[in-house]
N, C-alpha and C. Protein backbone atom coordinates (compact mmCIF):
# COMPACT_ATOMS: atom_id res chain seq x y z
N MET A 1 -26.60 -0.17 41.45
CA MET A 1 -25.89 1.49 41.48
C MET A 1 -26.53 1.95 40.05
N LEU A 2 -26.82 3.10 40.26
CA LEU A 2 -27.27 4.20 39.31
C LEU A 2 -26.24 4.75 38.69
N ARG A 3 -26.42 4.40 37.16
CA ARG A 3 -25.41 4.72 36.25
C ARG A 3 -25.89 6.26 35.94
N ARG A 4 -25.16 7.19 35.34
CA ARG A 4 -25.27 8.62 34.92
C ARG A 4 -25.09 8.41 33.68
N ALA A 5 -26.04 9.01 32.39
CA ALA A 5 -25.56 8.77 31.05
C ALA A 5 -25.06 9.36 30.51
N ALA A 6 -24.34 10.15 29.73
CA ALA A 6 -22.95 10.73 29.42
C ALA A 6 -24.17 11.45 28.59
N PRO A 7 -23.96 13.15 28.94
CA PRO A 7 -24.66 13.97 28.36
C PRO A 7 -24.35 13.83 27.06
N VAL A 8 -25.57 14.76 26.64
CA VAL A 8 -25.63 14.47 24.77
C VAL A 8 -24.24 15.43 24.17
N TRP A 9 -24.07 16.63 24.75
CA TRP A 9 -23.15 17.07 24.14
C TRP A 9 -21.85 16.19 24.14
N ALA A 10 -21.71 15.26 25.24
CA ALA A 10 -20.13 14.83 25.38
C ALA A 10 -20.26 13.53 24.21
N MET A 11 -21.52 13.50 24.16
CA MET A 11 -21.45 12.03 22.74
C MET A 11 -21.64 13.39 21.22
N ALA A 12 -21.98 14.14 21.32
CA ALA A 12 -21.97 14.63 20.24
C ALA A 12 -20.51 15.23 19.73
N ALA A 13 -20.32 15.59 21.06
CA ALA A 13 -18.54 15.93 20.60
C ALA A 13 -17.57 14.66 19.78
N GLN A 14 -18.01 13.75 20.73
CA GLN A 14 -17.12 12.19 20.51
C GLN A 14 -17.57 12.00 18.53
N GLY A 15 -18.76 12.28 18.34
CA GLY A 15 -19.07 12.27 16.94
C GLY A 15 -18.62 13.57 16.03
N THR A 16 -18.63 14.83 16.79
CA THR A 16 -17.64 15.16 16.04
C THR A 16 -16.08 15.08 15.88
N ALA A 17 -15.96 14.81 16.61
CA ALA A 17 -14.09 14.38 16.49
C ALA A 17 -14.21 13.30 15.79
N ALA A 18 -14.74 12.00 15.84
CA ALA A 18 -14.76 11.22 14.62
C ALA A 18 -14.74 11.49 13.36
N LEU A 19 -15.76 12.76 13.08
CA LEU A 19 -15.98 13.20 11.54
C LEU A 19 -14.85 13.92 11.19
N LEU A 20 -14.31 14.99 12.19
CA LEU A 20 -13.34 15.57 12.00
C LEU A 20 -11.98 14.85 11.58
N GLN A 21 -11.72 13.40 12.24
CA GLN A 21 -10.45 12.72 11.88
C GLN A 21 -10.62 12.23 10.93
N ARG A 22 -12.00 11.95 10.47
CA ARG A 22 -12.02 11.22 9.41
C ARG A 22 -12.11 12.21 7.98
N ALA A 23 -12.10 13.28 8.04
CA ALA A 23 -12.32 14.38 7.03
C ALA A 23 -10.57 14.55 6.85
N HIS A 24 -10.34 15.05 7.85
CA HIS A 24 -8.61 15.39 7.97
C HIS A 24 -7.63 14.05 7.05
N ALA A 25 -8.21 12.83 7.46
CA ALA A 25 -7.67 11.81 6.83
C ALA A 25 -7.86 11.85 5.44
N THR A 26 -9.13 11.70 4.73
CA THR A 26 -9.41 11.65 3.26
C THR A 26 -8.64 12.61 2.82
N TYR A 27 -8.65 14.33 3.53
CA TYR A 27 -7.90 15.19 2.60
C TYR A 27 -6.55 14.81 2.66
N TYR A 28 -5.73 14.08 3.47
CA TYR A 28 -4.55 13.60 3.03
C TYR A 28 -4.28 12.55 2.31
N LEU A 29 -5.53 11.47 2.54
CA LEU A 29 -5.43 10.49 1.31
C LEU A 29 -5.54 11.13 -0.01
N THR A 30 -6.22 12.41 -0.58
CA THR A 30 -6.21 12.85 -1.78
C THR A 30 -5.60 13.75 -2.17
N LEU A 31 -4.37 14.41 -1.06
CA LEU A 31 -3.27 14.53 -1.45
C LEU A 31 -2.08 14.13 -1.89
N ALA A 32 -1.96 12.78 -1.02
CA ALA A 32 -0.92 11.67 -1.76
C ALA A 32 -1.30 11.53 -2.53
N GLU A 33 -2.75 10.66 -2.93
CA GLU A 33 -2.65 10.49 -4.68
C GLU A 33 -2.66 11.01 -5.68
N ALA A 34 -3.04 12.50 -5.15
CA ALA A 34 -2.91 13.45 -6.23
C ALA A 34 -1.23 13.64 -6.51
N ALA A 35 -0.36 13.84 -5.29
CA ALA A 35 1.15 13.25 -5.47
C ALA A 35 1.62 12.57 -6.39
N ALA A 36 1.04 11.60 -5.46
CA ALA A 36 1.84 10.27 -6.50
C ALA A 36 1.62 9.74 -8.27
N ALA A 37 0.38 10.73 -8.59
CA ALA A 37 -0.23 10.67 -9.79
C ALA A 37 0.58 11.43 -10.36
N GLN A 38 1.23 12.60 -10.07
CA GLN A 38 2.31 13.64 -10.66
C GLN A 38 3.73 13.15 -10.46
N TRP A 39 3.58 12.37 -9.91
CA TRP A 39 5.27 11.80 -9.61
C TRP A 39 6.15 11.62 -10.99
N ASP A 40 6.23 11.52 -12.10
CA ASP A 40 6.58 11.31 -13.32
C ASP A 40 6.43 12.52 -14.01
N SER A 41 5.91 14.01 -13.96
CA SER A 41 5.31 15.00 -14.09
C SER A 41 6.02 16.19 -13.94
N PRO A 42 6.12 17.07 -14.46
CA PRO A 42 7.05 18.53 -14.73
C PRO A 42 6.40 19.18 -13.14
N THR A 43 5.16 18.66 -12.54
CA THR A 43 4.55 19.24 -11.54
C THR A 43 4.95 18.48 -10.15
N ALA A 44 6.25 17.37 -10.27
CA ALA A 44 6.63 16.62 -9.00
C ALA A 44 7.13 17.26 -8.08
N GLU A 45 7.93 18.22 -8.38
CA GLU A 45 9.25 18.88 -7.21
C GLU A 45 7.72 19.56 -6.48
N ALA A 46 7.01 20.09 -6.60
CA ALA A 46 5.83 21.12 -5.97
C ALA A 46 5.29 19.96 -5.38
N ALA A 47 4.82 18.80 -5.38
CA ALA A 47 3.80 17.63 -4.98
C ALA A 47 4.13 17.31 -3.88
N ILE A 48 6.08 16.86 -4.57
CA ILE A 48 7.02 16.38 -2.84
C ILE A 48 7.07 17.09 -1.74
N ALA A 49 7.20 18.81 -2.41
CA ALA A 49 7.54 19.57 -1.54
C ALA A 49 5.94 19.75 -0.47
N GLN A 50 4.96 19.26 -1.42
CA GLN A 50 3.87 19.90 -0.35
C GLN A 50 3.80 18.48 0.75
N LEU A 51 4.23 17.37 0.16
CA LEU A 51 4.33 16.22 1.05
C LEU A 51 5.10 16.55 2.04
N ASP A 52 6.23 17.14 1.73
CA ASP A 52 7.17 17.35 3.19
C ASP A 52 6.34 18.04 3.74
N ARG A 53 5.72 19.30 3.66
CA ARG A 53 5.44 19.92 4.60
C ARG A 53 3.90 19.68 5.18
N ALA A 54 3.24 19.05 4.37
CA ALA A 54 2.28 17.83 5.11
C ALA A 54 2.47 16.52 6.11
N TYR A 55 3.89 16.35 6.33
CA TYR A 55 4.49 14.49 7.04
C TYR A 55 3.77 14.72 8.10
N ALA A 56 3.68 15.39 8.97
CA ALA A 56 2.96 15.16 10.52
C ALA A 56 1.70 15.09 10.35
N ASN A 57 1.03 15.48 9.04
CA ASN A 57 -0.49 15.52 9.18
C ASN A 57 -0.69 13.55 8.48
N LEU A 58 -0.04 13.57 7.61
CA LEU A 58 0.04 12.19 6.89
C LEU A 58 0.36 10.94 7.69
N ARG A 59 1.34 11.30 8.78
CA ARG A 59 1.62 10.57 9.69
C ARG A 59 0.30 10.35 10.42
N ALA A 60 -0.51 11.28 10.88
CA ALA A 60 -1.53 11.69 11.78
C ALA A 60 -2.53 10.57 11.20
N ALA A 61 -2.76 11.14 9.85
CA ALA A 61 -4.23 10.04 9.07
C ALA A 61 -3.57 8.31 9.38
N LEU A 62 -2.51 8.51 9.00
CA LEU A 62 -2.12 6.41 9.08
C LEU A 62 -2.10 5.73 10.37
N GLU A 63 -1.93 6.71 11.45
CA GLU A 63 -1.72 6.38 12.42
C GLU A 63 -3.50 6.35 12.82
N TRP A 64 -4.62 7.53 12.55
CA TRP A 64 -5.69 6.95 12.66
C TRP A 64 -6.21 6.15 11.79
N ALA A 65 -6.27 5.48 10.75
CA ALA A 65 -6.59 4.79 10.06
C ALA A 65 -5.93 3.10 10.87
N ARG A 66 -5.05 3.16 11.41
CA ARG A 66 -4.40 1.96 11.76
C ARG A 66 -4.93 1.55 13.06
N ASP A 67 -5.30 2.65 14.02
CA ASP A 67 -5.56 2.79 15.36
C ASP A 67 -7.10 2.22 15.20
N GLY A 68 -7.82 2.32 14.17
CA GLY A 68 -9.21 1.54 13.91
C GLY A 68 -9.96 2.47 13.24
N GLY A 69 -9.62 3.73 12.41
CA GLY A 69 -10.17 4.53 12.18
C GLY A 69 -10.57 3.62 10.89
N ASP A 70 -10.00 3.81 9.93
CA ASP A 70 -10.58 3.20 8.48
C ASP A 70 -8.89 2.74 7.93
N LEU A 71 -9.30 1.52 7.48
CA LEU A 71 -7.90 0.59 7.27
C LEU A 71 -8.20 0.82 5.42
N THR A 72 -9.10 0.68 5.20
CA THR A 72 -9.07 0.78 3.50
C THR A 72 -7.99 2.34 2.90
N LEU A 73 -8.95 3.50 4.13
CA LEU A 73 -7.90 4.78 3.80
C LEU A 73 -6.60 4.29 3.65
N GLY A 74 -6.54 3.93 5.10
CA GLY A 74 -4.82 3.65 5.74
C GLY A 74 -3.77 2.63 4.48
N LEU A 75 -4.66 1.70 3.92
CA LEU A 75 -4.16 0.88 3.02
C LEU A 75 -3.59 2.19 1.80
N ARG A 76 -4.76 2.58 1.21
CA ARG A 76 -4.60 3.80 0.15
C ARG A 76 -3.68 4.45 0.36
N LEU A 77 -3.49 5.23 1.18
CA LEU A 77 -3.08 6.03 2.03
C LEU A 77 -1.28 5.78 1.96
N GLY A 78 -0.67 4.25 2.70
CA GLY A 78 0.47 4.10 2.67
C GLY A 78 0.82 3.61 1.09
N GLY A 79 -0.27 2.94 0.14
CA GLY A 79 0.32 2.93 -1.27
C GLY A 79 1.30 4.08 -1.84
N ALA A 80 0.05 5.14 -1.26
CA ALA A 80 -0.23 6.18 -2.30
C ALA A 80 1.89 7.08 -2.18
N LEU A 81 2.17 6.44 -0.78
CA LEU A 81 3.17 6.80 -0.16
C LEU A 81 4.39 6.64 -0.51
N ARG A 82 4.70 5.08 -1.17
CA ARG A 82 5.63 4.52 -1.23
C ARG A 82 7.00 5.32 -2.03
N LYS A 83 6.58 6.27 -3.12
CA LYS A 83 7.42 6.96 -3.88
C LYS A 83 7.86 7.74 -3.22
N PHE A 84 7.53 8.19 -2.26
CA PHE A 84 7.96 9.82 -1.25
C PHE A 84 8.58 9.17 -0.09
N TRP A 85 8.52 8.01 0.59
CA TRP A 85 8.76 7.19 1.46
C TRP A 85 10.80 7.21 0.98
N ARG A 86 10.34 6.90 -0.32
CA ARG A 86 11.75 6.14 -0.93
C ARG A 86 12.62 7.46 -1.20
N ARG A 87 11.91 8.45 -1.64
CA ARG A 87 12.65 9.55 -2.43
C ARG A 87 13.42 10.43 -0.71
N ARG A 88 12.59 10.53 0.24
CA ARG A 88 13.01 11.27 1.33
C ARG A 88 13.62 10.07 1.89
N GLY A 89 14.22 8.78 1.94
CA GLY A 89 15.05 8.23 2.25
C GLY A 89 14.58 7.46 3.72
N ALA A 90 12.92 7.77 3.59
CA ALA A 90 12.05 6.92 5.01
C ALA A 90 11.88 5.48 4.72
N ILE A 91 12.64 4.66 4.11
CA ILE A 91 11.94 3.26 3.73
C ILE A 91 11.65 2.86 4.79
N SER A 92 12.50 2.71 5.90
CA SER A 92 12.14 1.60 7.33
C SER A 92 10.55 2.16 7.74
N GLU A 93 10.64 3.57 7.57
CA GLU A 93 9.60 3.95 8.13
C GLU A 93 8.04 3.17 7.60
N GLY A 94 8.16 3.67 5.99
CA GLY A 94 7.26 3.07 5.14
C GLY A 94 7.21 1.87 5.26
N ARG A 95 7.81 1.09 5.86
CA ARG A 95 7.47 -0.38 5.45
C ARG A 95 6.74 -0.69 6.73
N VAL A 96 7.44 0.04 8.13
CA VAL A 96 6.51 -0.28 9.17
C VAL A 96 5.32 0.00 9.28
N TRP A 97 5.24 1.24 8.43
CA TRP A 97 3.33 1.88 8.05
C TRP A 97 2.68 0.14 7.37
N LEU A 98 3.28 -0.45 6.38
CA LEU A 98 2.38 -0.73 5.43
C LEU A 98 2.47 -2.04 5.92
N GLU A 99 3.39 -2.84 6.69
CA GLU A 99 3.31 -3.75 7.15
C GLU A 99 2.51 -4.08 8.92
N GLU A 100 1.89 -2.98 9.24
CA GLU A 100 1.48 -2.64 10.29
C GLU A 100 -0.06 -2.60 9.79
N LEU A 101 -0.68 -1.98 8.33
CA LEU A 101 -1.75 -2.18 8.43
C LEU A 101 -2.04 -3.24 7.55
N LEU A 102 -0.76 -3.67 7.12
CA LEU A 102 -0.97 -5.22 6.48
C LEU A 102 -1.64 -6.23 7.11
N ALA A 103 -1.02 -6.31 8.63
CA ALA A 103 -1.26 -7.44 9.45
C ALA A 103 -2.74 -7.51 10.28
N LEU A 104 -3.70 -6.09 9.96
CA LEU A 104 -4.75 -5.53 10.40
C LEU A 104 -5.68 -6.41 9.72
N ASP A 105 -6.56 -7.25 10.05
CA ASP A 105 -7.61 -8.23 9.36
C ASP A 105 -8.99 -7.06 8.67
N ASP A 106 -9.46 -7.23 7.74
CA ASP A 106 -10.58 -6.18 7.36
C ASP A 106 -11.73 -6.82 7.13
N PRO A 107 -12.53 -7.01 8.23
CA PRO A 107 -13.56 -7.71 8.24
C PRO A 107 -14.55 -7.37 7.06
N THR A 108 -14.67 -6.05 5.88
CA THR A 108 -15.31 -6.06 4.94
C THR A 108 -15.25 -6.71 3.67
N ALA A 109 -13.69 -6.53 3.82
CA ALA A 109 -13.14 -6.80 2.28
C ALA A 109 -13.76 -6.91 1.25
N ASP A 110 -14.25 -5.87 0.68
CA ASP A 110 -15.23 -5.82 -0.67
C ASP A 110 -13.98 -5.50 -1.57
N ALA A 111 -14.65 -4.95 -2.76
CA ALA A 111 -14.13 -4.88 -3.68
C ALA A 111 -12.74 -3.88 -3.83
N ASN A 112 -13.27 -3.41 -2.98
CA ASN A 112 -12.48 -1.45 -2.59
C ASN A 112 -11.51 -1.67 -1.98
N ALA A 113 -11.73 -2.79 -0.60
CA ALA A 113 -10.77 -2.68 0.47
C ALA A 113 -10.05 -4.09 -0.42
N LEU A 114 -9.99 -5.37 -0.78
CA LEU A 114 -8.98 -5.58 -1.30
C LEU A 114 -7.86 -4.83 -2.22
N ALA A 115 -8.40 -4.06 -3.42
CA ALA A 115 -7.57 -3.19 -4.20
C ALA A 115 -6.87 -2.32 -3.29
N ALA A 116 -7.63 -1.63 -2.36
CA ALA A 116 -5.97 -1.04 -1.41
C ALA A 116 -5.31 -1.64 -0.91
N ARG A 117 -5.78 -2.94 -0.32
CA ARG A 117 -4.77 -3.84 0.40
C ARG A 117 -3.41 -4.54 -1.14
N LEU A 118 -4.24 -4.27 -1.92
CA LEU A 118 -3.01 -4.81 -3.34
C LEU A 118 -1.77 -3.44 -3.39
N GLY A 119 -2.44 -2.54 -3.42
CA GLY A 119 -1.48 -1.87 -3.86
C GLY A 119 -0.44 -1.08 -2.35
N ALA A 120 -1.19 -1.57 -1.14
CA ALA A 120 -0.03 -2.07 -0.10
C ALA A 120 0.66 -2.34 -0.55
N MET A 121 0.22 -3.57 -0.69
CA MET A 121 0.74 -5.31 -0.44
C MET A 121 2.11 -4.88 -1.74
N GLN A 122 1.50 -4.18 -2.96
CA GLN A 122 2.82 -3.89 -3.92
C GLN A 122 3.77 -2.99 -3.58
N ALA A 123 3.49 -1.75 -2.96
CA ALA A 123 4.21 -0.94 -2.21
C ALA A 123 5.15 -1.66 -1.23
N ALA A 124 5.03 -2.42 -0.04
CA ALA A 124 5.40 -2.91 0.85
C ALA A 124 7.07 -3.84 0.13
N ALA A 125 6.53 -4.46 -0.78
CA ALA A 125 6.92 -5.53 -1.53
C ALA A 125 8.31 -4.74 -2.28
N TRP A 126 8.15 -3.33 -3.23
CA TRP A 126 9.13 -2.38 -3.29
C TRP A 126 9.68 -2.16 -2.61
N LEU A 127 9.36 -1.52 -1.33
CA LEU A 127 10.05 -1.03 -0.25
C LEU A 127 10.71 -1.95 0.30
N ALA A 128 10.48 -3.38 0.43
CA ALA A 128 11.86 -4.19 0.64
C ALA A 128 12.76 -4.14 0.17
N SER A 129 12.08 -4.74 -0.85
CA SER A 129 13.23 -4.69 -2.31
C SER A 129 14.39 -3.87 -2.72
N ASP A 130 14.02 -2.78 -2.20
CA ASP A 130 14.90 -1.12 -1.74
C ASP A 130 15.84 -1.10 -0.85
N GLN A 131 15.50 -2.13 0.19
CA GLN A 131 16.33 -2.59 1.17
C GLN A 131 16.95 -3.43 1.24
N HIS A 132 16.76 -4.67 0.17
CA HIS A 132 17.54 -5.79 -0.50
C HIS A 132 16.86 -6.80 0.71
N ASP A 133 15.46 -6.74 0.94
CA ASP A 133 15.03 -7.91 1.68
C ASP A 133 14.25 -8.84 0.51
N TYR A 134 15.04 -9.46 0.06
CA TYR A 134 14.52 -10.07 -1.11
C TYR A 134 13.52 -10.89 -0.90
N ALA A 135 13.71 -11.90 0.25
CA ALA A 135 12.98 -12.60 0.73
C ALA A 135 11.24 -12.16 0.91
N ARG A 136 10.97 -11.01 1.81
CA ARG A 136 10.15 -10.28 2.04
C ARG A 136 9.60 -10.21 1.20
N ALA A 137 10.21 -9.65 0.09
CA ALA A 137 9.91 -9.09 -1.40
C ALA A 137 9.06 -9.79 -2.26
N ALA A 138 9.60 -11.15 -2.40
CA ALA A 138 9.46 -11.97 -3.08
C ALA A 138 7.78 -12.34 -2.75
N GLN A 139 7.66 -12.91 -1.14
CA GLN A 139 6.85 -13.31 -0.49
C GLN A 139 5.60 -12.25 -0.88
N LEU A 140 5.61 -11.15 -0.91
CA LEU A 140 4.68 -9.74 -0.91
C LEU A 140 4.10 -9.69 -2.25
N PHE A 141 4.86 -10.18 -3.27
CA PHE A 141 4.83 -10.15 -4.83
C PHE A 141 3.98 -11.51 -4.98
N ALA A 142 4.28 -12.41 -4.26
CA ALA A 142 3.69 -13.54 -4.41
C ALA A 142 2.41 -13.66 -3.83
N GLN A 143 1.98 -12.83 -2.48
CA GLN A 143 0.91 -12.42 -1.96
C GLN A 143 -0.28 -11.82 -2.86
N SER A 144 0.69 -10.44 -3.51
CA SER A 144 0.08 -9.45 -4.20
C SER A 144 -0.56 -10.31 -5.52
N LEU A 145 -0.09 -11.77 -6.20
CA LEU A 145 -0.44 -12.20 -7.34
C LEU A 145 -1.57 -12.69 -7.24
N THR A 146 -1.68 -13.52 -6.03
CA THR A 146 -2.63 -14.45 -5.49
C THR A 146 -3.90 -13.55 -5.12
N LEU A 147 -3.72 -12.03 -5.03
CA LEU A 147 -4.86 -11.17 -4.56
C LEU A 147 -5.38 -10.27 -5.88
N ARG A 148 -4.30 -10.32 -6.91
CA ARG A 148 -4.89 -9.90 -8.03
C ARG A 148 -5.75 -10.83 -8.80
N ARG A 149 -5.49 -12.12 -8.94
CA ARG A 149 -6.43 -13.31 -9.14
C ARG A 149 -7.67 -12.62 -8.56
N ALA A 150 -7.56 -12.95 -7.20
CA ALA A 150 -9.00 -13.10 -6.89
C ALA A 150 -9.82 -12.12 -6.91
N LEU A 151 -9.22 -10.92 -7.58
CA LEU A 151 -9.72 -9.72 -7.96
C LEU A 151 -10.43 -9.58 -9.34
N GLY A 152 -9.84 -10.86 -10.42
CA GLY A 152 -10.06 -11.14 -11.63
C GLY A 152 -9.28 -10.16 -12.22
N GLU A 153 -8.51 -9.91 -12.05
CA GLU A 153 -7.48 -9.05 -12.80
C GLU A 153 -6.14 -10.02 -13.05
N ALA A 154 -5.75 -10.93 -13.48
CA ALA A 154 -5.38 -12.13 -14.11
C ALA A 154 -4.19 -11.20 -14.89
N GLU A 155 -4.80 -10.36 -16.07
CA GLU A 155 -4.10 -10.14 -17.26
C GLU A 155 -2.93 -9.24 -17.14
N ASP A 156 -2.48 -8.83 -15.96
CA ASP A 156 -1.25 -8.35 -15.38
C ASP A 156 0.01 -9.20 -14.57
N ASP A 157 -0.70 -10.24 -14.63
CA ASP A 157 0.08 -11.40 -14.07
C ASP A 157 1.73 -11.56 -14.25
N THR A 158 1.78 -11.13 -15.57
CA THR A 158 3.52 -11.43 -15.83
C THR A 158 4.21 -9.95 -14.95
N HIS A 159 3.96 -8.80 -15.09
CA HIS A 159 4.33 -8.21 -14.26
C HIS A 159 5.12 -8.59 -13.04
N LEU A 160 3.91 -8.95 -12.14
CA LEU A 160 3.82 -9.53 -10.84
C LEU A 160 4.97 -10.74 -10.91
N LEU A 161 4.75 -11.22 -11.79
CA LEU A 161 5.64 -12.92 -11.91
C LEU A 161 7.28 -11.99 -12.04
N VAL A 162 7.87 -11.39 -12.85
CA VAL A 162 8.63 -10.73 -13.53
C VAL A 162 9.23 -10.12 -12.00
N ASN A 163 8.66 -9.68 -11.36
CA ASN A 163 9.19 -8.98 -9.89
C ASN A 163 9.40 -9.94 -8.93
N ALA A 164 8.57 -10.60 -8.82
CA ALA A 164 9.12 -11.95 -7.84
C ALA A 164 10.05 -12.91 -8.36
N ALA A 165 10.22 -13.38 -9.70
CA ALA A 165 11.33 -13.54 -10.09
C ALA A 165 12.67 -13.03 -9.66
N LEU A 166 12.40 -11.43 -10.31
CA LEU A 166 14.09 -10.73 -9.68
C LEU A 166 14.02 -10.58 -8.24
N GLN A 167 13.02 -10.36 -7.19
CA GLN A 167 13.37 -10.60 -6.17
C GLN A 167 13.66 -12.05 -5.48
N ALA A 168 13.72 -12.97 -6.46
CA ALA A 168 14.22 -14.05 -6.03
C ALA A 168 15.61 -14.54 -6.28
N ARG A 169 16.20 -13.74 -6.57
CA ARG A 169 17.61 -13.75 -7.20
C ARG A 169 18.73 -13.47 -5.78
N GLY A 170 17.46 -13.09 -4.28
CA GLY A 170 18.25 -12.54 -3.01
C GLY A 170 18.49 -14.09 -2.86
N GLY A 171 17.74 -15.10 -3.01
CA GLY A 171 17.82 -16.52 -2.58
C GLY A 171 18.37 -17.49 -3.74
N ALA A 172 17.84 -18.60 -3.53
CA ALA A 172 18.06 -19.61 -4.34
C ALA A 172 17.98 -19.38 -5.90
N ILE A 173 19.21 -19.46 -6.55
CA ILE A 173 18.98 -19.36 -8.18
C ILE A 173 17.73 -20.16 -8.69
N SER A 174 17.50 -21.40 -8.34
CA SER A 174 16.38 -22.43 -8.55
C SER A 174 14.77 -21.60 -8.32
N ALA A 175 14.64 -21.20 -7.40
CA ALA A 175 13.60 -20.10 -7.02
C ALA A 175 13.36 -19.34 -8.28
N SER A 176 14.78 -18.63 -8.51
CA SER A 176 14.36 -17.14 -9.47
C SER A 176 14.17 -18.00 -10.71
N ASP A 177 14.66 -18.94 -10.96
CA ASP A 177 14.53 -19.55 -12.24
C ASP A 177 13.29 -20.03 -12.60
N GLY A 178 12.57 -21.19 -11.56
CA GLY A 178 11.22 -21.16 -11.02
C GLY A 178 10.40 -20.13 -11.63
N ALA A 179 10.54 -18.95 -10.85
CA ALA A 179 9.84 -18.09 -10.95
C ALA A 179 9.90 -17.21 -12.58
N LEU A 180 11.07 -16.92 -12.89
CA LEU A 180 10.69 -16.61 -14.65
C LEU A 180 10.49 -17.87 -15.14
N GLY A 181 10.36 -18.80 -14.94
CA GLY A 181 9.62 -20.24 -16.18
C GLY A 181 8.20 -19.45 -16.54
N ARG A 182 7.64 -19.24 -14.87
CA ARG A 182 6.17 -18.86 -14.77
C ARG A 182 6.18 -17.66 -15.60
N CYS A 183 6.77 -16.97 -15.12
CA CYS A 183 6.49 -15.80 -16.04
C CYS A 183 6.53 -15.82 -17.38
N LEU A 184 7.41 -16.53 -17.87
CA LEU A 184 7.69 -16.80 -19.46
C LEU A 184 6.07 -17.28 -19.81
N GLY A 185 5.72 -18.49 -18.98
CA GLY A 185 4.67 -19.05 -19.57
C GLY A 185 3.37 -18.08 -19.27
N ALA A 186 3.19 -17.18 -18.73
CA ALA A 186 2.18 -16.44 -18.53
C ALA A 186 2.15 -15.60 -19.56
N ALA A 187 3.50 -14.92 -19.58
CA ALA A 187 3.34 -13.86 -21.07
C ALA A 187 2.98 -14.67 -22.30
N ALA A 188 3.56 -15.94 -22.67
CA ALA A 188 2.95 -16.60 -23.62
C ALA A 188 1.74 -16.81 -23.89
N ARG A 189 1.17 -17.14 -22.60
CA ARG A 189 -0.40 -17.28 -22.95
C ARG A 189 -1.12 -15.69 -22.86
N LEU A 190 -0.61 -15.33 -22.38
CA LEU A 190 -1.65 -13.73 -22.42
C LEU A 190 -1.17 -13.06 -23.82
N ARG A 191 -0.23 -13.20 -23.73
CA ARG A 191 0.12 -11.84 -25.29
C ARG A 191 1.30 -12.26 -25.90
N GLY A 192 2.05 -13.13 -25.93
CA GLY A 192 3.05 -13.73 -26.77
C GLY A 192 4.57 -13.79 -25.95
N PRO A 193 5.59 -13.49 -26.31
CA PRO A 193 7.05 -13.60 -26.19
C PRO A 193 6.99 -12.38 -25.11
N LEU A 194 8.13 -12.37 -23.74
CA LEU A 194 7.84 -11.06 -23.11
C LEU A 194 9.31 -10.80 -23.72
N ALA A 195 9.23 -9.57 -23.58
CA ALA A 195 10.80 -8.91 -23.89
C ALA A 195 11.30 -8.24 -22.19
N LEU A 196 12.25 -9.00 -21.87
CA LEU A 196 13.22 -8.43 -20.71
C LEU A 196 14.35 -7.19 -20.73
């Protein structure tokens, strides 16, 4: 059986489409990260309005990343959108995007990919907490702590331990007390007493 090769122009068009999709997603990642950096500034309202106008494109970038485009880019984008989703009242949607992205395996797992995963994991934990899903939030904060240590970033452990302890409040008091005890011990080792 004789197979016809795809015309060169068709292959070039596919390559061009892939480049355009990546450029599109990269642009909207840059936009979201810039807005996240402005969140507590006088320019926050303008940045939020820009994200509102771009929301269909942000979703398209997340979809492309999730469906095989670039997982690290998608994780970074999801992490950058946490406060936006919260403000917009789209916490459930944000949680779905983040959980879908976090469920994907990343074979590269370099430091940048792990840092993106950490940011998305912490964003997912906060959104879970916002919806009073304390069990999932505590689980995500614990995973964040493990990942942070794997990245060699142990100095900020106390904040993650405090968050895990606070999330455990939705569960058993003994779990909360245990997490808080670990937090206080870590704080004493790192910097001295922790003011809560």
